[in-house]
N, C-alpha and C. Protein backbone atom coordinates (compact mmCIF):
# COMPACT_ATOMS: atom_id res chain seq x y z
N MET A 1 163.20 177.29 -104.03
CA MET A 1 163.01 178.57 -103.41
C MET A 1 164.13 179.50 -103.83
N ASP A 2 163.65 180.59 -104.34
CA ASP A 2 164.58 181.59 -104.84
C ASP A 2 164.60 182.76 -103.86
N PHE A 3 165.71 182.90 -103.05
CA PHE A 3 165.81 183.94 -102.03
C PHE A 3 166.60 185.15 -102.50
N ARG A 4 166.91 185.21 -103.72
CA ARG A 4 167.65 186.36 -104.21
C ARG A 4 166.74 187.59 -104.27
N ARG A 5 167.35 188.72 -104.00
CA ARG A 5 166.59 189.96 -104.09
C ARG A 5 166.40 190.33 -105.54
N LYS A 6 165.22 190.81 -105.79
CA LYS A 6 164.94 191.26 -107.14
C LYS A 6 165.39 192.72 -107.27
N LYS A 7 165.89 193.04 -108.41
CA LYS A 7 166.33 194.42 -108.62
C LYS A 7 165.12 195.32 -108.73
N ARG A 8 165.19 196.41 -107.97
CA ARG A 8 164.11 197.39 -108.02
C ARG A 8 164.46 198.46 -109.04
N ALA A 9 163.44 199.03 -109.59
CA ALA A 9 163.66 200.14 -110.52
C ALA A 9 164.11 201.36 -109.71
N PRO A 10 165.01 202.15 -110.23
CA PRO A 10 165.46 203.34 -109.47
C PRO A 10 164.29 204.31 -109.27
N VAL A 11 164.25 204.90 -108.08
CA VAL A 11 163.18 205.84 -107.74
C VAL A 11 163.50 207.20 -108.36
N GLU A 12 162.55 207.72 -109.07
CA GLU A 12 162.71 209.03 -109.70
C GLU A 12 161.54 209.92 -109.31
N ILE A 13 161.84 211.16 -109.19
CA ILE A 13 160.78 212.13 -108.93
C ILE A 13 160.37 212.72 -110.27
N GLY A 14 159.13 212.54 -110.62
CA GLY A 14 158.64 213.05 -111.89
C GLY A 14 158.34 214.54 -111.78
N LEU A 15 159.06 215.34 -112.53
CA LEU A 15 158.86 216.78 -112.47
C LEU A 15 157.60 217.23 -113.22
N ILE A 16 157.24 216.56 -114.26
CA ILE A 16 156.07 216.98 -115.05
C ILE A 16 154.80 216.89 -114.21
N PRO A 17 154.52 215.78 -113.51
CA PRO A 17 153.32 215.75 -112.67
C PRO A 17 153.35 216.80 -111.55
N MET A 18 154.56 217.06 -111.00
CA MET A 18 154.67 218.05 -109.93
C MET A 18 154.34 219.45 -110.48
N ILE A 19 154.81 219.77 -111.66
CA ILE A 19 154.51 221.06 -112.28
C ILE A 19 153.01 221.17 -112.56
N ASP A 20 152.41 220.08 -113.02
CA ASP A 20 150.97 220.09 -113.27
C ASP A 20 150.18 220.39 -111.99
N VAL A 21 150.56 219.76 -110.92
CA VAL A 21 149.88 219.98 -109.64
C VAL A 21 150.06 221.41 -109.18
N LEU A 22 151.27 221.95 -109.30
CA LEU A 22 151.53 223.33 -108.89
C LEU A 22 150.72 224.32 -109.73
N LEU A 23 150.60 224.08 -111.02
CA LEU A 23 149.80 224.96 -111.86
C LEU A 23 148.32 224.91 -111.50
N VAL A 24 147.82 223.73 -111.18
CA VAL A 24 146.42 223.61 -110.76
C VAL A 24 146.21 224.36 -109.45
N LEU A 25 147.14 224.22 -108.49
CA LEU A 25 147.01 224.95 -107.23
C LEU A 25 147.09 226.46 -107.45
N LEU A 26 148.01 226.89 -108.29
CA LEU A 26 148.12 228.31 -108.59
C LEU A 26 146.83 228.85 -109.20
N PHE A 27 146.28 228.12 -110.15
CA PHE A 27 145.03 228.52 -110.78
C PHE A 27 143.90 228.57 -109.75
N PHE A 28 143.83 227.58 -108.86
CA PHE A 28 142.79 227.55 -107.83
C PHE A 28 142.88 228.77 -106.93
N PHE A 29 144.08 229.10 -106.45
CA PHE A 29 144.22 230.23 -105.54
C PHE A 29 143.97 231.56 -106.25
N MET A 30 144.31 231.64 -107.53
CA MET A 30 144.03 232.88 -108.25
C MET A 30 142.53 233.08 -108.41
N VAL A 31 141.79 232.02 -108.66
CA VAL A 31 140.35 232.14 -108.84
C VAL A 31 139.65 232.34 -107.49
N ALA A 32 140.14 231.69 -106.46
CA ALA A 32 139.49 231.74 -105.15
C ALA A 32 139.77 233.03 -104.40
N THR A 33 140.79 233.77 -104.77
CA THR A 33 141.15 235.00 -104.07
C THR A 33 140.24 236.12 -104.52
N THR A 34 139.75 236.89 -103.56
CA THR A 34 138.96 238.06 -103.91
C THR A 34 139.88 239.26 -103.98
N PHE A 35 139.69 240.05 -104.98
CA PHE A 35 140.52 241.22 -105.16
C PHE A 35 139.71 242.45 -104.76
N ARG A 36 139.74 242.77 -103.49
CA ARG A 36 139.05 243.96 -103.02
C ARG A 36 139.91 244.61 -101.94
N HIS A 37 139.64 245.87 -101.71
CA HIS A 37 140.38 246.62 -100.70
C HIS A 37 139.61 246.54 -99.40
N HIS A 38 140.25 246.03 -98.37
CA HIS A 38 139.58 245.89 -97.09
C HIS A 38 139.51 247.22 -96.36
N THR A 39 140.35 248.18 -96.71
CA THR A 39 140.35 249.44 -95.99
C THR A 39 139.43 250.48 -96.59
N ASP A 40 138.84 250.20 -97.75
CA ASP A 40 137.93 251.16 -98.35
C ASP A 40 136.61 251.14 -97.61
N LEU A 41 136.16 252.32 -97.26
CA LEU A 41 134.88 252.45 -96.60
C LEU A 41 133.90 253.07 -97.59
N LYS A 42 132.68 252.58 -97.57
CA LYS A 42 131.65 253.15 -98.43
C LYS A 42 130.88 254.16 -97.60
N ILE A 43 131.23 255.42 -97.79
CA ILE A 43 130.59 256.50 -97.05
C ILE A 43 130.00 257.47 -98.05
N ASN A 44 128.70 257.66 -97.97
CA ASN A 44 128.02 258.66 -98.78
C ASN A 44 127.80 259.87 -97.90
N LEU A 45 128.60 260.91 -98.13
CA LEU A 45 128.53 262.09 -97.29
C LEU A 45 127.23 262.84 -97.54
N PRO A 46 126.68 263.45 -96.50
CA PRO A 46 125.48 264.26 -96.71
C PRO A 46 125.81 265.50 -97.52
N GLU A 47 124.78 266.06 -98.15
CA GLU A 47 124.98 267.26 -98.97
C GLU A 47 124.58 268.50 -98.18
N ALA A 48 125.31 269.57 -98.39
CA ALA A 48 124.99 270.85 -97.77
C ALA A 48 125.68 271.95 -98.56
N SER A 49 125.06 273.11 -98.56
CA SER A 49 125.70 274.24 -99.21
C SER A 49 126.38 275.06 -98.13
N GLY A 50 127.43 275.71 -98.49
CA GLY A 50 128.17 276.51 -97.53
C GLY A 50 129.48 276.96 -98.14
N GLU A 51 130.24 277.63 -97.33
CA GLU A 51 131.52 278.15 -97.80
C GLU A 51 132.57 277.05 -97.76
N ASP A 52 133.43 277.10 -98.77
CA ASP A 52 134.56 276.18 -98.75
C ASP A 52 135.61 276.75 -97.81
N ILE A 53 136.14 275.89 -96.97
CA ILE A 53 137.22 276.33 -96.10
C ILE A 53 138.51 275.70 -96.60
N GLU A 54 139.58 276.38 -96.36
CA GLU A 54 140.87 275.87 -96.81
C GLU A 54 141.25 274.68 -95.96
N GLN A 55 141.53 273.58 -96.64
CA GLN A 55 141.87 272.35 -95.93
C GLN A 55 143.39 272.26 -95.82
N SER A 56 143.86 272.06 -94.60
CA SER A 56 145.30 271.93 -94.40
C SER A 56 145.77 270.56 -94.85
N ALA A 57 147.05 270.45 -95.09
CA ALA A 57 147.61 269.18 -95.56
C ALA A 57 147.51 268.11 -94.48
N LYS A 58 147.62 268.52 -93.23
CA LYS A 58 147.55 267.57 -92.13
C LYS A 58 146.23 267.75 -91.39
N ALA A 59 145.60 266.67 -91.11
CA ALA A 59 144.35 266.69 -90.35
C ALA A 59 144.14 265.31 -89.76
N ILE A 60 143.31 265.25 -88.76
CA ILE A 60 142.93 263.98 -88.16
C ILE A 60 141.56 263.63 -88.72
N ASN A 61 141.47 262.50 -89.38
CA ASN A 61 140.22 262.10 -90.04
C ASN A 61 139.59 260.93 -89.31
N LEU A 62 138.34 261.11 -88.92
CA LEU A 62 137.54 260.05 -88.31
C LEU A 62 136.42 259.72 -89.29
N PHE A 63 136.32 258.45 -89.65
CA PHE A 63 135.29 257.99 -90.58
C PHE A 63 134.27 257.17 -89.81
N ILE A 64 132.98 257.44 -90.08
CA ILE A 64 131.90 256.68 -89.46
C ILE A 64 131.00 256.19 -90.59
N ASP A 65 130.86 254.87 -90.72
CA ASP A 65 130.05 254.34 -91.82
C ASP A 65 128.57 254.30 -91.43
N ALA A 66 127.75 253.79 -92.33
CA ALA A 66 126.29 253.80 -92.13
C ALA A 66 125.86 252.96 -90.93
N GLN A 67 126.66 252.00 -90.51
CA GLN A 67 126.33 251.18 -89.35
C GLN A 67 126.87 251.77 -88.05
N GLY A 68 127.56 252.90 -88.12
CA GLY A 68 128.12 253.54 -86.93
C GLY A 68 129.47 253.00 -86.53
N LYS A 69 130.18 252.34 -87.45
CA LYS A 69 131.50 251.81 -87.14
C LYS A 69 132.56 252.87 -87.42
N TYR A 70 133.55 252.93 -86.54
CA TYR A 70 134.58 253.96 -86.60
C TYR A 70 135.84 253.46 -87.29
N ALA A 71 136.51 254.40 -87.99
CA ALA A 71 137.82 254.14 -88.58
C ALA A 71 138.59 255.46 -88.53
N ILE A 72 139.88 255.38 -88.26
CA ILE A 72 140.71 256.58 -88.18
C ILE A 72 141.78 256.50 -89.25
N ALA A 73 142.00 257.61 -89.95
CA ALA A 73 143.03 257.66 -90.99
C ALA A 73 144.39 257.73 -90.31
N GLY A 74 145.28 256.87 -90.74
CA GLY A 74 146.62 256.84 -90.20
C GLY A 74 147.52 257.84 -90.89
N GLU A 75 148.82 257.67 -90.74
CA GLU A 75 149.79 258.56 -91.35
C GLU A 75 149.71 258.54 -92.87
N ASP A 76 149.35 257.37 -93.43
CA ASP A 76 149.28 257.25 -94.88
C ASP A 76 147.97 257.79 -95.44
N GLY A 77 147.03 258.20 -94.59
CA GLY A 77 145.77 258.76 -95.05
C GLY A 77 144.69 257.73 -95.31
N LYS A 78 145.01 256.46 -95.17
CA LYS A 78 144.02 255.41 -95.41
C LYS A 78 143.32 255.09 -94.09
N PRO A 79 142.00 254.93 -94.13
CA PRO A 79 141.28 254.64 -92.89
C PRO A 79 141.56 253.23 -92.39
N GLN A 80 141.82 253.13 -91.12
CA GLN A 80 142.04 251.85 -90.46
C GLN A 80 140.91 251.64 -89.45
N ALA A 81 140.13 250.59 -89.64
CA ALA A 81 139.02 250.31 -88.74
C ALA A 81 139.54 249.98 -87.34
N LEU A 82 138.81 250.39 -86.35
CA LEU A 82 139.20 250.08 -84.98
C LEU A 82 138.99 248.60 -84.70
N ALA A 83 139.85 248.03 -83.87
CA ALA A 83 139.75 246.61 -83.56
C ALA A 83 138.43 246.31 -82.85
N GLU A 84 138.10 247.15 -81.88
CA GLU A 84 136.83 247.00 -81.17
C GLU A 84 136.02 248.26 -81.42
N GLN A 85 134.78 248.10 -81.79
CA GLN A 85 133.93 249.23 -82.13
C GLN A 85 133.18 249.73 -80.90
N ASN A 86 133.92 250.36 -79.98
CA ASN A 86 133.28 250.97 -78.82
C ASN A 86 133.96 252.30 -78.53
N LEU A 87 133.37 253.07 -77.64
CA LEU A 87 133.91 254.41 -77.36
C LEU A 87 135.25 254.36 -76.66
N GLU A 88 135.48 253.33 -75.86
CA GLU A 88 136.77 253.23 -75.16
C GLU A 88 137.92 253.02 -76.15
N SER A 89 137.71 252.16 -77.14
CA SER A 89 138.78 251.95 -78.13
C SER A 89 138.95 253.19 -79.01
N LEU A 90 137.85 253.91 -79.29
CA LEU A 90 137.96 255.17 -80.03
C LEU A 90 138.76 256.19 -79.23
N LYS A 91 138.47 256.27 -77.95
CA LYS A 91 139.19 257.20 -77.08
C LYS A 91 140.67 256.85 -77.01
N ASN A 92 140.99 255.57 -76.90
CA ASN A 92 142.39 255.15 -76.85
C ASN A 92 143.11 255.44 -78.16
N ALA A 93 142.42 255.23 -79.28
CA ALA A 93 143.05 255.49 -80.58
C ALA A 93 143.31 256.98 -80.77
N LEU A 94 142.35 257.82 -80.37
CA LEU A 94 142.55 259.26 -80.51
C LEU A 94 143.55 259.81 -79.49
N ALA A 95 143.63 259.17 -78.33
CA ALA A 95 144.59 259.62 -77.31
C ALA A 95 146.01 259.36 -77.75
N GLY A 96 146.21 258.49 -78.73
CA GLY A 96 147.55 258.21 -79.23
C GLY A 96 148.18 259.37 -79.98
N PHE A 97 147.37 260.33 -80.39
CA PHE A 97 147.92 261.50 -81.07
C PHE A 97 148.59 262.40 -80.05
N SER A 98 149.67 263.05 -80.45
CA SER A 98 150.41 263.89 -79.52
C SER A 98 149.67 265.21 -79.27
N ALA A 99 150.15 265.98 -78.30
CA ALA A 99 149.48 267.22 -77.90
C ALA A 99 149.49 268.26 -79.01
N ASP A 100 150.54 268.30 -79.82
CA ASP A 100 150.59 269.32 -80.88
C ASP A 100 149.61 269.02 -82.01
N THR A 101 149.19 267.77 -82.16
CA THR A 101 148.21 267.46 -83.21
C THR A 101 146.80 267.82 -82.79
N LYS A 102 146.59 268.14 -81.53
CA LYS A 102 145.25 268.52 -81.08
C LYS A 102 144.85 269.88 -81.65
N GLN A 103 145.81 270.63 -82.18
CA GLN A 103 145.50 271.91 -82.82
C GLN A 103 145.16 271.73 -84.30
N LEU A 104 145.37 270.55 -84.84
CA LEU A 104 145.04 270.28 -86.23
C LEU A 104 143.52 270.14 -86.38
N PRO A 105 143.00 270.35 -87.58
CA PRO A 105 141.57 270.13 -87.80
C PRO A 105 141.20 268.66 -87.56
N PHE A 106 140.09 268.46 -86.92
CA PHE A 106 139.56 267.12 -86.66
C PHE A 106 138.35 266.97 -87.56
N ILE A 107 138.48 266.16 -88.62
CA ILE A 107 137.45 266.05 -89.64
C ILE A 107 136.67 264.76 -89.42
N ILE A 108 135.36 264.91 -89.27
CA ILE A 108 134.48 263.75 -89.13
C ILE A 108 133.80 263.54 -90.48
N SER A 109 134.04 262.39 -91.08
CA SER A 109 133.39 262.02 -92.34
C SER A 109 132.38 260.93 -92.01
N ALA A 110 131.13 261.34 -91.85
CA ALA A 110 130.08 260.40 -91.48
C ALA A 110 129.14 260.19 -92.65
N ASP A 111 128.73 258.97 -92.84
CA ASP A 111 127.76 258.65 -93.88
C ASP A 111 126.45 259.38 -93.60
N GLY A 112 125.69 259.67 -94.65
CA GLY A 112 124.42 260.35 -94.47
C GLY A 112 123.42 259.55 -93.66
N LYS A 113 123.57 258.25 -93.61
CA LYS A 113 122.65 257.39 -92.86
C LYS A 113 123.24 256.90 -91.53
N THR A 114 124.33 257.53 -91.11
CA THR A 114 124.96 257.16 -89.83
C THR A 114 124.02 257.50 -88.68
N PRO A 115 123.92 256.62 -87.69
CA PRO A 115 123.09 256.96 -86.52
C PRO A 115 123.61 258.23 -85.84
N HIS A 116 122.69 259.08 -85.45
CA HIS A 116 123.05 260.35 -84.82
C HIS A 116 123.88 260.12 -83.56
N GLN A 117 123.59 259.06 -82.83
CA GLN A 117 124.31 258.77 -81.58
C GLN A 117 125.79 258.51 -81.84
N ALA A 118 126.14 257.87 -82.94
CA ALA A 118 127.54 257.58 -83.24
C ALA A 118 128.32 258.88 -83.47
N VAL A 119 127.71 259.84 -84.14
CA VAL A 119 128.38 261.12 -84.40
C VAL A 119 128.51 261.92 -83.11
N VAL A 120 127.45 261.96 -82.31
CA VAL A 120 127.49 262.71 -81.05
C VAL A 120 128.51 262.09 -80.09
N SER A 121 128.59 260.78 -80.06
CA SER A 121 129.57 260.11 -79.20
C SER A 121 130.99 260.43 -79.64
N ALA A 122 131.22 260.47 -80.95
CA ALA A 122 132.55 260.82 -81.46
C ALA A 122 132.90 262.27 -81.11
N LEU A 123 131.92 263.16 -81.20
CA LEU A 123 132.16 264.56 -80.80
C LEU A 123 132.49 264.66 -79.32
N ASP A 124 131.79 263.89 -78.50
CA ASP A 124 132.03 263.90 -77.06
C ASP A 124 133.44 263.42 -76.73
N VAL A 125 133.86 262.32 -77.37
CA VAL A 125 135.21 261.79 -77.14
C VAL A 125 136.26 262.81 -77.59
N ALA A 126 136.04 263.44 -78.75
CA ALA A 126 137.00 264.44 -79.24
C ALA A 126 137.09 265.62 -78.28
N ASN A 127 135.97 266.05 -77.72
CA ASN A 127 135.98 267.16 -76.78
C ASN A 127 136.70 266.78 -75.49
N GLN A 128 136.47 265.56 -75.01
CA GLN A 128 137.14 265.11 -73.79
C GLN A 128 138.65 265.08 -73.95
N LEU A 129 139.12 264.77 -75.16
CA LEU A 129 140.56 264.67 -75.40
C LEU A 129 141.19 266.00 -75.79
N GLY A 130 140.40 267.04 -75.96
CA GLY A 130 140.95 268.37 -76.22
C GLY A 130 141.02 268.76 -77.69
N PHE A 131 140.32 268.07 -78.56
CA PHE A 131 140.24 268.47 -79.97
C PHE A 131 139.15 269.53 -80.08
N HIS A 132 139.51 270.73 -80.56
CA HIS A 132 138.54 271.81 -80.60
C HIS A 132 138.23 272.29 -82.01
N HIS A 133 139.06 271.97 -82.98
CA HIS A 133 138.82 272.39 -84.36
C HIS A 133 138.13 271.25 -85.11
N VAL A 134 136.85 271.04 -84.79
CA VAL A 134 136.09 269.93 -85.37
C VAL A 134 135.34 270.41 -86.61
N THR A 135 135.45 269.63 -87.67
CA THR A 135 134.80 269.94 -88.94
C THR A 135 134.10 268.69 -89.45
N PHE A 136 133.02 268.89 -90.18
CA PHE A 136 132.32 267.78 -90.81
C PHE A 136 132.55 267.82 -92.30
N ALA A 137 132.84 266.66 -92.89
CA ALA A 137 133.03 266.57 -94.34
C ALA A 137 131.66 266.43 -94.98
N ILE A 138 131.45 267.17 -96.08
CA ILE A 138 130.18 267.10 -96.80
C ILE A 138 130.47 267.10 -98.29
N ASN A 139 129.45 266.75 -99.06
CA ASN A 139 129.50 266.89 -100.51
C ASN A 139 128.67 268.11 -100.87
N PRO A 140 129.14 268.95 -101.78
CA PRO A 140 128.31 270.08 -102.18
C PRO A 140 127.11 269.57 -102.97
N PRO A 141 125.96 270.24 -102.87
CA PRO A 141 124.79 269.76 -103.60
C PRO A 141 124.98 269.93 -105.11
N GLU A 142 124.43 268.99 -105.85
CA GLU A 142 124.52 269.06 -107.30
C GLU A 142 123.47 270.05 -107.78
N GLN A 143 123.87 270.91 -108.74
CA GLN A 143 122.94 271.92 -109.24
C GLN A 143 122.59 271.67 -110.68
């Protein structure tokens, strides 16, 4: 009976297999990731002819997509969808603007296929909060 311990080979961490695994994971995540903007809204504005009005640099922008979902443009000008799509959350989001911004133009950019009720509800909320300079964004007709 031989009770002597056998010498074990020293434990080494192989860097080459680890690099291979990391490259495979990197490749997987690059392929699996979708490259799209979550804040972009697809809104096809209705067409109308009329006078161009001078647009001020600052305005409050409310976007309503074809399904009647609301988004408000923040300080950076990018639309941010509301967490909950109801009139109470719209009212709370618009109430966050200070009293001096209520004199700024309130621009509603609604898709041409937006339900009429969504636009009327947004107008009602804006009126309740004291926004009086309401404008609708349109595309000029192609000639």
